[in-house]
Amino acid sequence: AFLKPDIQVIDRGGDFYECVPAGCSKATAIDMVLNQLKIHKNDAYVFGDSSNDLACFRYAENTVLMGKHDAILEQYATFMTKTVEEDGIEYAMKNLGLL
């Protein structure tokens, strides 16, 4: 509580926490990059596996959920791929027509 209002604490489970500046998230970073590069949001793809990806999964339209993942992301996923060890990123990119 003493970190508020400057820091947002993200509970990643298992007594693991991530601290980020308040008002900043992966979603705000994605939005800034897309605006800077003049890329439409519907042309961007987000890959994630952890609860710290929740903000970008809520923001993005194309969300790829890795095979091993936190269940909290499932309702936002538009595609589920294999695990990292099974080359899930390549598998998703091929199946989504990105390669």
PDB file of N, CA and C in Angstrom:
ATOM      1  N   ALA A   1       0.818  -1.206   0.000  1.00  0.00           N
ATOM      2  CA  ALA A   1       0.000   0.000   0.000  1.00  0.00           C
ATOM      3  C   ALA A   1       0.859   1.268   0.000  1.00  0.00           C
ATOM      4  N   PHE A   2       2.070   1.196   0.589  1.00  0.00           N
ATOM      5  CA  PHE A   2       2.908   2.398   0.666  1.00  0.00           C
ATOM      6  C   PHE A   2       3.420   2.816  -0.710  1.00  0.00           C
ATOM      7  N   LEU A   3       3.343   1.942  -1.720  1.00  0.00           N
ATOM      8  CA  LEU A   3       3.800   2.289  -3.068  1.00  0.00           C
ATOM      9  C   LEU A   3       2.786   3.134  -3.839  1.00  0.00           C
ATOM     10  N   LYS A   4       1.529   3.032  -3.449  1.00  0.00           N
ATOM     11  CA  LYS A   4       0.494   3.805  -4.137  1.00  0.00           C
ATOM     12  C   LYS A   4       0.691   5.271  -3.828  1.00  0.00           C
ATOM     13  N   PRO A   5       0.392   6.195  -4.635  1.00  0.00           N
ATOM     14  CA  PRO A   5      -0.248   6.104  -5.938  1.00  0.00           C
ATOM     15  C   PRO A   5       0.739   6.022  -7.105  1.00  0.00           C
ATOM     16  N   ASP A   6       2.034   5.949  -6.814  1.00  0.00           N
ATOM     17  CA  ASP A   6       3.038   6.012  -7.871  1.00  0.00           C
ATOM     18  C   ASP A   6       3.310   4.688  -8.567  1.00  0.00           C
ATOM     19  N   ILE A   7       3.057   3.584  -7.884  1.00  0.00           N
ATOM     20  CA  ILE A   7       3.401   2.260  -8.399  1.00  0.00           C
ATOM     21  C   ILE A   7       2.181   1.349  -8.367  1.00  0.00           C
ATOM     22  N   GLN A   8       1.986   0.594  -9.435  1.00  0.00           N
ATOM     23  CA  GLN A   8       0.946  -0.433  -9.473  1.00  0.00           C
ATOM     24  C   GLN A   8       1.620  -1.790  -9.251  1.00  0.00           C
ATOM     25  N   VAL A   9       1.090  -2.576  -8.338  1.00  0.00           N
ATOM     26  CA  VAL A   9       1.651  -3.888  -8.036  1.00  0.00           C
ATOM     27  C   VAL A   9       0.770  -4.949  -8.689  1.00  0.00           C
ATOM     28  N   ILE A  10       1.376  -5.812  -9.515  1.00  0.00           N
ATOM     29  CA  ILE A  10       0.665  -6.888 -10.213  1.00  0.00           C
ATOM     30  C   ILE A  10       1.001  -8.202  -9.523  1.00  0.00           C
ATOM     31  N   ASP A  11      -0.020  -8.889  -9.046  1.00  0.00           N
ATOM     32  CA  ASP A  11       0.155 -10.189  -8.401  1.00  0.00           C
ATOM     33  C   ASP A  11       0.220 -11.249  -9.485  1.00  0.00           C
ATOM     34  N   ARG A  12       1.382 -11.868  -9.657  1.00  0.00           N
ATOM     35  CA  ARG A  12       1.557 -12.887 -10.683  1.00  0.00           C
ATOM     36  C   ARG A  12       1.397 -14.285 -10.118  1.00  0.00           C
ATOM     37  N   GLY A  13       1.019 -14.398  -8.854  1.00  0.00           N
ATOM     38  CA  GLY A  13       0.803 -15.686  -8.215  1.00  0.00           C
ATOM     39  C   GLY A  13       2.084 -16.256  -7.646  1.00  0.00           C
ATOM     40  N   GLY A  14       1.931 -17.196  -6.713  1.00  0.00           N
ATOM     41  CA  GLY A  14       3.084 -17.849  -6.126  1.00  0.00           C
ATOM     42  C   GLY A  14       4.021 -16.901  -5.407  1.00  0.00           C
ATOM     43  N   ASP A  15       3.462 -15.879  -4.747  1.00  0.00           N
ATOM     44  CA  ASP A  15       4.267 -14.879  -4.025  1.00  0.00           C
ATOM     45  C   ASP A  15       5.242 -14.135  -4.934  1.00  0.00           C
ATOM     46  N   PHE A  16       4.859 -13.951  -6.205  1.00  0.00           N
ATOM     47  CA  PHE A  16       5.676 -13.218  -7.163  1.00  0.00           C
ATOM     48  C   PHE A  16       4.893 -11.986  -7.603  1.00  0.00           C
ATOM     49  N   TYR A  17       5.482 -10.814  -7.452  1.00  0.00           N
ATOM     50  CA  TYR A  17       4.818  -9.559  -7.776  1.00  0.00           C
ATOM     51  C   TYR A  17       5.669  -8.755  -8.755  1.00  0.00           C
ATOM     52  N   GLU A  18       4.975  -8.012  -9.573  1.00  0.00           N
ATOM     53  CA  GLU A  18       5.644  -7.139 -10.537  1.00  0.00           C
ATOM     54  C   GLU A  18       5.198  -5.714 -10.248  1.00  0.00           C
ATOM     55  N   CYS A  19       6.115  -4.787 -10.235  1.00  0.00           N
ATOM     56  CA  CYS A  19       5.798  -3.383  -9.954  1.00  0.00           C
ATOM     57  C   CYS A  19       6.061  -2.543 -11.196  1.00  0.00           C
ATOM     58  N   VAL A  20       5.074  -1.747 -11.564  1.00  0.00           N
ATOM     59  CA  VAL A  20       5.197  -0.869 -12.732  1.00  0.00           C
ATOM     60  C   VAL A  20       4.722   0.529 -12.349  1.00  0.00           C
ATOM     61  N   PRO A  21       5.185   1.547 -13.055  1.00  0.00           N
ATOM     62  CA  PRO A  21       4.700   2.899 -12.771  1.00  0.00           C
ATOM     63  C   PRO A  21       3.180   2.981 -12.955  1.00  0.00           C
ATOM     64  N   ALA A  22       2.507   3.647 -12.052  1.00  0.00           N
ATOM     65  CA  ALA A  22       1.059   3.811 -12.142  1.00  0.00           C
ATOM     66  C   ALA A  22       0.690   4.465 -13.466  1.00  0.00           C
ATOM     67  N   GLY A  23      -0.351   3.965 -14.090  1.00  0.00           N
ATOM     68  CA  GLY A  23      -0.807   4.505 -15.362  1.00  0.00           C
ATOM     69  C   GLY A  23      -0.085   3.940 -16.568  1.00  0.00           C
ATOM     70  N   CYS A  24       0.890   3.092 -16.345  1.00  0.00           N
ATOM     71  CA  CYS A  24       1.645   2.473 -17.431  1.00  0.00           C
ATOM     72  C   CYS A  24       1.401   0.964 -17.405  1.00  0.00           C
ATOM     73  N   SER A  25       1.333   0.387 -18.584  1.00  0.00           N
ATOM     74  CA  SER A  25       1.136  -1.053 -18.686  1.00  0.00           C
ATOM     75  C   SER A  25       1.639  -1.509 -20.047  1.00  0.00           C
ATOM     76  N   LYS A  26       1.582  -2.792 -20.264  1.00  0.00           N
ATOM     77  CA  LYS A  26       1.928  -3.295 -21.593  1.00  0.00           C
ATOM     78  C   LYS A  26       0.955  -2.738 -22.628  1.00  0.00           C
ATOM     79  N   ALA A  27      -0.276  -2.500 -22.240  1.00  0.00           N
ATOM     80  CA  ALA A  27      -1.260  -1.944 -23.164  1.00  0.00           C
ATOM     81  C   ALA A  27      -0.898  -0.518 -23.567  1.00  0.00           C
ATOM     82  N   THR A  28      -0.473   0.304 -22.612  1.00  0.00           N
ATOM     83  CA  THR A  28      -0.094   1.675 -22.972  1.00  0.00           C
ATOM     84  C   THR A  28       1.150   1.670 -23.847  1.00  0.00           C
ATOM     85  N   ALA A  29       2.056   0.737 -23.611  1.00  0.00           N
ATOM     86  CA  ALA A  29       3.250   0.623 -24.458  1.00  0.00           C
ATOM     87  C   ALA A  29       2.879   0.207 -25.872  1.00  0.00           C
ATOM     88  N   ILE A  30       1.998  -0.772 -25.996  1.00  0.00           N
ATOM     89  CA  ILE A  30       1.547  -1.224 -27.325  1.00  0.00           C
ATOM     90  C   ILE A  30       0.874  -0.074 -28.060  1.00  0.00           C
ATOM     91  N   ASP A  31      -0.006   0.638 -27.380  1.00  0.00           N
ATOM     92  CA  ASP A  31      -0.713   1.758 -27.998  1.00  0.00           C
ATOM     93  C   ASP A  31       0.266   2.811 -28.501  1.00  0.00           C
ATOM     94  N   MET A  32       1.287   3.111 -27.709  1.00  0.00           N
ATOM     95  CA  MET A  32       2.278   4.110 -28.106  1.00  0.00           C
ATOM     96  C   MET A  32       3.063   3.654 -29.341  1.00  0.00           C
ATOM     97  N   VAL A  33       3.474   2.399 -29.368  1.00  0.00           N
ATOM     98  CA  VAL A  33       4.228   1.877 -30.510  1.00  0.00           C
ATOM     99  C   VAL A  33       3.360   1.871 -31.771  1.00  0.00           C
ATOM    100  N   LEU A  34       2.123   1.412 -31.639  1.00  0.00           N
ATOM    101  CA  LEU A  34       1.233   1.382 -32.809  1.00  0.00           C
ATOM    102  C   LEU A  34       0.999   2.786 -33.359  1.00  0.00           C
ATOM    103  N   ASN A  35       0.780   3.744 -32.476  1.00  0.00           N
ATOM    104  CA  ASN A  35       0.581   5.127 -32.930  1.00  0.00           C
ATOM    105  C   ASN A  35       1.832   5.679 -33.595  1.00  0.00           C
ATOM    106  N   GLN A  36       2.983   5.421 -33.004  1.00  0.00           N
ATOM    107  CA  GLN A  36       4.244   5.914 -33.550  1.00  0.00           C
ATOM    108  C   GLN A  36       4.507   5.339 -34.945  1.00  0.00           C
ATOM    109  N   LEU A  37       4.200   4.046 -35.126  1.00  0.00           N
ATOM    110  CA  LEU A  37       4.453   3.376 -36.411  1.00  0.00           C
ATOM    111  C   LEU A  37       3.265   3.435 -37.364  1.00  0.00           C
ATOM    112  N   LYS A  38       2.176   4.068 -36.912  1.00  0.00           N
ATOM    113  CA  LYS A  38       0.957   4.210 -37.713  1.00  0.00           C
ATOM    114  C   LYS A  38       0.417   2.843 -38.159  1.00  0.00           C
ATOM    115  N   ILE A  39       0.369   1.929 -37.197  1.00  0.00           N
ATOM    116  CA  ILE A  39      -0.177   0.585 -37.422  1.00  0.00           C
ATOM    117  C   ILE A  39      -1.541   0.527 -36.754  1.00  0.00           C
ATOM    118  N   HIS A  40      -2.530   0.026 -37.485  1.00  0.00           N
ATOM    119  CA  HIS A  40      -3.868  -0.120 -36.918  1.00  0.00           C
ATOM    120  C   HIS A  40      -3.881  -1.231 -35.875  1.00  0.00           C
ATOM    121  N   LYS A  41      -4.655  -1.013 -34.842  1.00  0.00           N
ATOM    122  CA  LYS A  41      -4.740  -1.972 -33.746  1.00  0.00           C
ATOM    123  C   LYS A  41      -5.149  -3.369 -34.226  1.00  0.00           C
ATOM    124  N   ASN A  42      -6.025  -3.430 -35.225  1.00  0.00           N
ATOM    125  CA  ASN A  42      -6.472  -4.745 -35.711  1.00  0.00           C
ATOM    126  C   ASN A  42      -5.414  -5.452 -36.554  1.00  0.00           C
ATOM    127  N   ASP A  43      -4.291  -4.799 -36.838  1.00  0.00           N
ATOM    128  CA  ASP A  43      -3.182  -5.430 -37.559  1.00  0.00           C
ATOM    129  C   ASP A  43      -2.078  -5.906 -36.613  1.00  0.00           C
ATOM    130  N   ALA A  44      -2.267  -5.706 -35.329  1.00  0.00           N
ATOM    131  CA  ALA A  44      -1.258  -6.100 -34.335  1.00  0.00           C
ATOM    132  C   ALA A  44      -1.666  -7.399 -33.648  1.00  0.00           C
ATOM    133  N   TYR A  45      -0.677  -8.188 -33.269  1.00  0.00           N
ATOM    134  CA  TYR A  45      -0.899  -9.452 -32.566  1.00  0.00           C
ATOM    135  C   TYR A  45      -0.124  -9.441 -31.260  1.00  0.00           C
ATOM    136  N   VAL A  46      -0.776  -9.832 -30.197  1.00  0.00           N
ATOM    137  CA  VAL A  46      -0.191  -9.885 -28.869  1.00  0.00           C
ATOM    138  C   VAL A  46      -0.046 -11.346 -28.471  1.00  0.00           C
ATOM    139  N   PHE A  47       1.131 -11.710 -27.963  1.00  0.00           N
ATOM    140  CA  PHE A  47       1.391 -13.060 -27.465  1.00  0.00           C
ATOM    141  C   PHE A  47       1.572 -12.959 -25.956  1.00  0.00           C
ATOM    142  N   GLY A  48       0.985 -13.884 -25.213  1.00  0.00           N
ATOM    143  CA  GLY A  48       1.143 -13.832 -23.772  1.00  0.00           C
ATOM    144  C   GLY A  48       0.898 -15.162 -23.097  1.00  0.00           C
ATOM    145  N   ASP A  49       1.324 -15.215 -21.827  1.00  0.00           N
ATOM    146  CA  ASP A  49       1.161 -16.452 -21.059  1.00  0.00           C
ATOM    147  C   ASP A  49       0.933 -16.205 -19.575  1.00  0.00           C
ATOM    148  N   SER A  50       1.111 -14.981 -19.115  1.00  0.00           N
ATOM    149  CA  SER A  50       1.086 -14.710 -17.689  1.00  0.00           C
ATOM    150  C   SER A  50       0.078 -13.613 -17.357  1.00  0.00           C
ATOM    151  N   SER A  51      -0.304 -13.555 -16.089  1.00  0.00           N
ATOM    152  CA  SER A  51      -1.254 -12.530 -15.664  1.00  0.00           C
ATOM    153  C   SER A  51      -0.724 -11.118 -15.900  1.00  0.00           C
ATOM    154  N   ASN A  52       0.592 -10.961 -16.032  1.00  0.00           N
ATOM    155  CA  ASN A  52       1.118  -9.624 -16.317  1.00  0.00           C
ATOM    156  C   ASN A  52       0.837  -9.200 -17.757  1.00  0.00           C
ATOM    157  N   ASP A  53       0.279 -10.096 -18.561  1.00  0.00           N
ATOM    158  CA  ASP A  53      -0.127  -9.778 -19.934  1.00  0.00           C
ATOM    159  C   ASP A  53      -1.605  -9.387 -20.027  1.00  0.00           C
ATOM    160  N   LEU A  54      -2.293  -9.361 -18.901  1.00  0.00           N
ATOM    161  CA  LEU A  54      -3.735  -9.109 -18.903  1.00  0.00           C
ATOM    162  C   LEU A  54      -4.090  -7.769 -19.546  1.00  0.00           C
ATOM    163  N   ALA A  55      -3.360  -6.716 -19.222  1.00  0.00           N
ATOM    164  CA  ALA A  55      -3.672  -5.399 -19.798  1.00  0.00           C
ATOM    165  C   ALA A  55      -3.579  -5.415 -21.315  1.00  0.00           C
ATOM    166  N   CYS A  56      -2.559  -6.056 -21.861  1.00  0.00           N
ATOM    167  CA  CYS A  56      -2.437  -6.073 -23.328  1.00  0.00           C
ATOM    168  C   CYS A  56      -3.471  -7.011 -23.946  1.00  0.00           C
ATOM    169  N   PHE A  57      -3.871  -8.073 -23.258  1.00  0.00           N
ATOM    170  CA  PHE A  57      -4.922  -8.950 -23.786  1.00  0.00           C
ATOM    171  C   PHE A  57      -6.270  -8.239 -23.781  1.00  0.00           C
ATOM    172  N   ARG A  58      -6.513  -7.396 -22.802  1.00  0.00           N
ATOM    173  CA  ARG A  58      -7.762  -6.612 -22.773  1.00  0.00           C
ATOM    174  C   ARG A  58      -7.748  -5.545 -23.859  1.00  0.00           C
ATOM    175  N   TYR A  59      -6.588  -5.023 -24.164  1.00  0.00           N
ATOM    176  CA  TYR A  59      -6.453  -3.940 -25.140  1.00  0.00           C
ATOM    177  C   TYR A  59      -6.510  -4.441 -26.586  1.00  0.00           C
ATOM    178  N   ALA A  60      -5.791  -5.490 -26.881  1.00  0.00           N
ATOM    179  CA  ALA A  60      -5.594  -5.944 -28.262  1.00  0.00           C
ATOM    180  C   ALA A  60      -6.817  -6.670 -28.819  1.00  0.00           C
ATOM    181  N   GLU A  61      -6.887  -6.695 -30.130  1.00  0.00           N
ATOM    182  CA  GLU A  61      -7.950  -7.426 -30.815  1.00  0.00           C
ATOM    183  C   GLU A  61      -7.521  -8.829 -31.201  1.00  0.00           C
ATOM    184  N   ASN A  62      -6.234  -9.024 -31.449  1.00  0.00           N
ATOM    185  CA  ASN A  62      -5.681 -10.322 -31.835  1.00  0.00           C
ATOM    186  C   ASN A  62      -4.746 -10.787 -30.729  1.00  0.00           C
ATOM    187  N   THR A  63      -5.205 -11.740 -29.941  1.00  0.00           N
ATOM    188  CA  THR A  63      -4.453 -12.176 -28.767  1.00  0.00           C
ATOM    189  C   THR A  63      -4.135 -13.662 -28.869  1.00  0.00           C
ATOM    190  N   VAL A  64      -2.865 -13.979 -28.775  1.00  0.00           N
ATOM    191  CA  VAL A  64      -2.390 -15.358 -28.897  1.00  0.00           C
ATOM    192  C   VAL A  64      -1.957 -15.846 -27.521  1.00  0.00           C
ATOM    193  N   LEU A  65      -2.612 -16.881 -27.070  1.00  0.00           N
ATOM    194  CA  LEU A  65      -2.337 -17.457 -25.765  1.00  0.00           C
ATOM    195  C   LEU A  65      -1.394 -18.635 -25.917  1.00  0.00           C
ATOM    196  N   MET A  66      -0.290 -18.578 -25.209  1.00  0.00           N
ATOM    197  CA  MET A  66       0.695 -19.656 -25.272  1.00  0.00           C
ATOM    198  C   MET A  66       0.128 -20.916 -24.618  1.00  0.00           C
ATOM    199  N   GLY A  67       0.649 -22.073 -25.018  1.00  0.00           N
ATOM    200  CA  GLY A  67       0.135 -23.352 -24.538  1.00  0.00           C
ATOM    201  C   GLY A  67       0.159 -23.500 -23.031  1.00  0.00           C
ATOM    202  N   LYS A  68       1.210 -23.039 -22.385  1.00  0.00           N
ATOM    203  CA  LYS A  68       1.297 -23.034 -20.922  1.00  0.00           C
ATOM    204  C   LYS A  68       1.026 -21.608 -20.485  1.00  0.00           C
ATOM    205  N   HIS A  69      -0.066 -21.381 -19.733  1.00  0.00           N
ATOM    206  CA  HIS A  69      -0.501 -20.014 -19.461  1.00  0.00           C
ATOM    207  C   HIS A  69      -1.324 -19.925 -18.177  1.00  0.00           C
ATOM    208  N   ASP A  70      -1.524 -18.685 -17.724  1.00  0.00           N
ATOM    209  CA  ASP A  70      -2.434 -18.408 -16.615  1.00  0.00           C
ATOM    210  C   ASP A  70      -3.865 -18.399 -17.150  1.00  0.00           C
ATOM    211  N   ALA A  71      -4.752 -19.066 -16.449  1.00  0.00           N
ATOM    212  CA  ALA A  71      -6.150 -19.192 -16.883  1.00  0.00           C
ATOM    213  C   ALA A  71      -6.854 -17.843 -17.015  1.00  0.00           C
ATOM    214  N   ILE A  72      -6.392 -16.820 -16.312  1.00  0.00           N
ATOM    215  CA  ILE A  72      -7.044 -15.510 -16.357  1.00  0.00           C
ATOM    216  C   ILE A  72      -7.080 -14.921 -17.771  1.00  0.00           C
ATOM    217  N   LEU A  73      -6.165 -15.353 -18.635  1.00  0.00           N
ATOM    218  CA  LEU A  73      -6.093 -14.814 -20.002  1.00  0.00           C
ATOM    219  C   LEU A  73      -7.046 -15.511 -20.979  1.00  0.00           C
ATOM    220  N   GLU A  74      -7.551 -16.677 -20.616  1.00  0.00           N
ATOM    221  CA  GLU A  74      -8.308 -17.501 -21.562  1.00  0.00           C
ATOM    222  C   GLU A  74      -9.504 -16.796 -22.178  1.00  0.00           C
ATOM    223  N   GLN A  75     -10.249 -16.033 -21.412  1.00  0.00           N
ATOM    224  CA  GLN A  75     -11.448 -15.387 -21.951  1.00  0.00           C
ATOM    225  C   GLN A  75     -11.130 -14.299 -22.980  1.00  0.00           C
ATOM    226  N   TYR A  76      -9.896 -13.846 -23.019  1.00  0.00           N
ATOM    227  CA  TYR A  76      -9.495 -12.794 -23.951  1.00  0.00           C
ATOM    228  C   TYR A  76      -8.767 -13.329 -25.185  1.00  0.00           C
ATOM    229  N   ALA A  77      -8.451 -14.605 -25.190  1.00  0.00           N
ATOM    230  CA  ALA A  77      -7.648 -15.176 -26.275  1.00  0.00           C
ATOM    231  C   ALA A  77      -8.470 -15.360 -27.545  1.00  0.00           C
ATOM    232  N   THR A  78      -7.869 -14.992 -28.664  1.00  0.00           N
ATOM    233  CA  THR A  78      -8.501 -15.241 -29.966  1.00  0.00           C
ATOM    234  C   THR A  78      -7.857 -16.435 -30.659  1.00  0.00           C
ATOM    235  N   PHE A  79      -6.704 -16.883 -30.150  1.00  0.00           N
ATOM    236  CA  PHE A  79      -6.016 -18.052 -30.703  1.00  0.00           C
ATOM    237  C   PHE A  79      -5.162 -18.657 -29.607  1.00  0.00           C
ATOM    238  N   MET A  80      -5.195 -19.973 -29.480  1.00  0.00           N
ATOM    239  CA  MET A  80      -4.315 -20.648 -28.534  1.00  0.00           C
ATOM    240  C   MET A  80      -3.293 -21.449 -29.315  1.00  0.00           C
ATOM    241  N   THR A  81      -2.041 -21.288 -28.934  1.00  0.00           N
ATOM    242  CA  THR A  81      -0.957 -21.955 -29.628  1.00  0.00           C
ATOM    243  C   THR A  81      -0.302 -22.992 -28.724  1.00  0.00           C
ATOM    244  N   LYS A  82       0.795 -23.532 -29.180  1.00  0.00           N
ATOM    245  CA  LYS A  82       1.555 -24.515 -28.414  1.00  0.00           C
ATOM    246  C   LYS A  82       2.444 -23.811 -27.398  1.00  0.00           C
ATOM    247  N   THR A  83       3.167 -24.586 -26.620  1.00  0.00           N
ATOM    248  CA  THR A  83       4.082 -24.008 -25.639  1.00  0.00           C
ATOM    249  C   THR A  83       5.296 -23.408 -26.339  1.00  0.00           C
ATOM    250  N   VAL A  84       6.072 -22.643 -25.589  1.00  0.00           N
ATOM    251  CA  VAL A  84       7.311 -22.077 -26.122  1.00  0.00           C
ATOM    252  C   VAL A  84       8.243 -23.198 -26.561  1.00  0.00           C
ATOM    253  N   GLU A  85       8.335 -24.239 -25.723  1.00  0.00           N
ATOM    254  CA  GLU A  85       9.222 -25.359 -26.030  1.00  0.00           C
ATOM    255  C   GLU A  85       8.802 -26.109 -27.297  1.00  0.00           C
ATOM    256  N   GLU A  86       7.535 -26.007 -27.656  1.00  0.00           N
ATOM    257  CA  GLU A  86       7.019 -26.649 -28.869  1.00  0.00           C
ATOM    258  C   GLU A  86       6.971 -25.676 -30.053  1.00  0.00           C
ATOM    259  N   ASP A  87       7.719 -24.589 -29.965  1.00  0.00           N
ATOM    260  CA  ASP A  87       7.754 -23.554 -31.010  1.00  0.00           C
ATOM    261  C   ASP A  87       6.383 -22.933 -31.253  1.00  0.00           C
ATOM    262  N   GLY A  88       5.708 -22.616 -30.154  1.00  0.00           N
ATOM    263  CA  GLY A  88       4.356 -22.066 -30.229  1.00  0.00           C
ATOM    264  C   GLY A  88       4.241 -20.757 -30.970  1.00  0.00           C
ATOM    265  N   ILE A  89       5.258 -19.913 -30.898  1.00  0.00           N
ATOM    266  CA  ILE A  89       5.187 -18.633 -31.612  1.00  0.00           C
ATOM    267  C   ILE A  89       5.195 -18.877 -33.114  1.00  0.00           C
ATOM    268  N   GLU A  90       6.103 -19.716 -33.578  1.00  0.00           N
ATOM    269  CA  GLU A  90       6.142 -20.044 -35.002  1.00  0.00           C
ATOM    270  C   GLU A  90       4.844 -20.719 -35.446  1.00  0.00           C
ATOM    271  N   TYR A  91       4.340 -21.646 -34.639  1.00  0.00           N
ATOM    272  CA  TYR A  91       3.094 -22.357 -34.958  1.00  0.00           C
ATOM    273  C   TYR A  91       1.941 -21.358 -35.129  1.00  0.00           C
ATOM    274  N   ALA A  92       1.829 -20.425 -34.201  1.00  0.00           N
ATOM    275  CA  ALA A  92       0.753 -19.427 -34.288  1.00  0.00           C
ATOM    276  C   ALA A  92       0.912 -18.538 -35.508  1.00  0.00           C
ATOM    277  N   MET A  93       2.128 -18.069 -35.742  1.00  0.00           N
ATOM    278  CA  MET A  93       2.351 -17.167 -36.872  1.00  0.00           C
ATOM    279  C   MET A  93       2.030 -17.850 -38.209  1.00  0.00           C
ATOM    280  N   LYS A  94       2.383 -19.124 -38.340  1.00  0.00           N
ATOM    281  CA  LYS A  94       2.051 -19.854 -39.558  1.00  0.00           C
ATOM    282  C   LYS A  94       0.544 -20.032 -39.699  1.00  0.00           C
ATOM    283  N   ASN A  95      -0.113 -20.427 -38.613  1.00  0.00           N
ATOM    284  CA  ASN A  95      -1.554 -20.673 -38.658  1.00  0.00           C
ATOM    285  C   ASN A  95      -2.379 -19.401 -38.811  1.00  0.00           C
ATOM    286  N   LEU A  96      -1.834 -18.284 -38.401  1.00  0.00           N
ATOM    287  CA  LEU A  96      -2.531 -17.013 -38.544  1.00  0.00           C
ATOM    288  C   LEU A  96      -2.165 -16.276 -39.835  1.00  0.00           C
ATOM    289  N   GLY A  97      -1.334 -16.914 -40.663  1.00  0.00           N
ATOM    290  CA  GLY A  97      -0.952 -16.328 -41.938  1.00  0.00           C
ATOM    291  C   GLY A  97       0.037 -15.178 -41.809  1.00  0.00           C
ATOM    292  N   LEU A  98       0.804 -15.159 -40.739  1.00  0.00           N
ATOM    293  CA  LEU A  98       1.758 -14.087 -40.510  1.00  0.00           C
ATOM    294  C   LEU A  98       3.150 -14.444 -41.044  1.00  0.00           C
ATOM    295  N   LEU A  99       3.368 -15.699 -41.377  1.00  0.00           N
ATOM    296  CA  LEU A  99       4.642 -16.150 -41.965  1.00  0.00           C
ATOM    297  C   LEU A  99       4.376 -16.732 -43.338  1.00  0.00           C
TER     298      LEU A  99
END
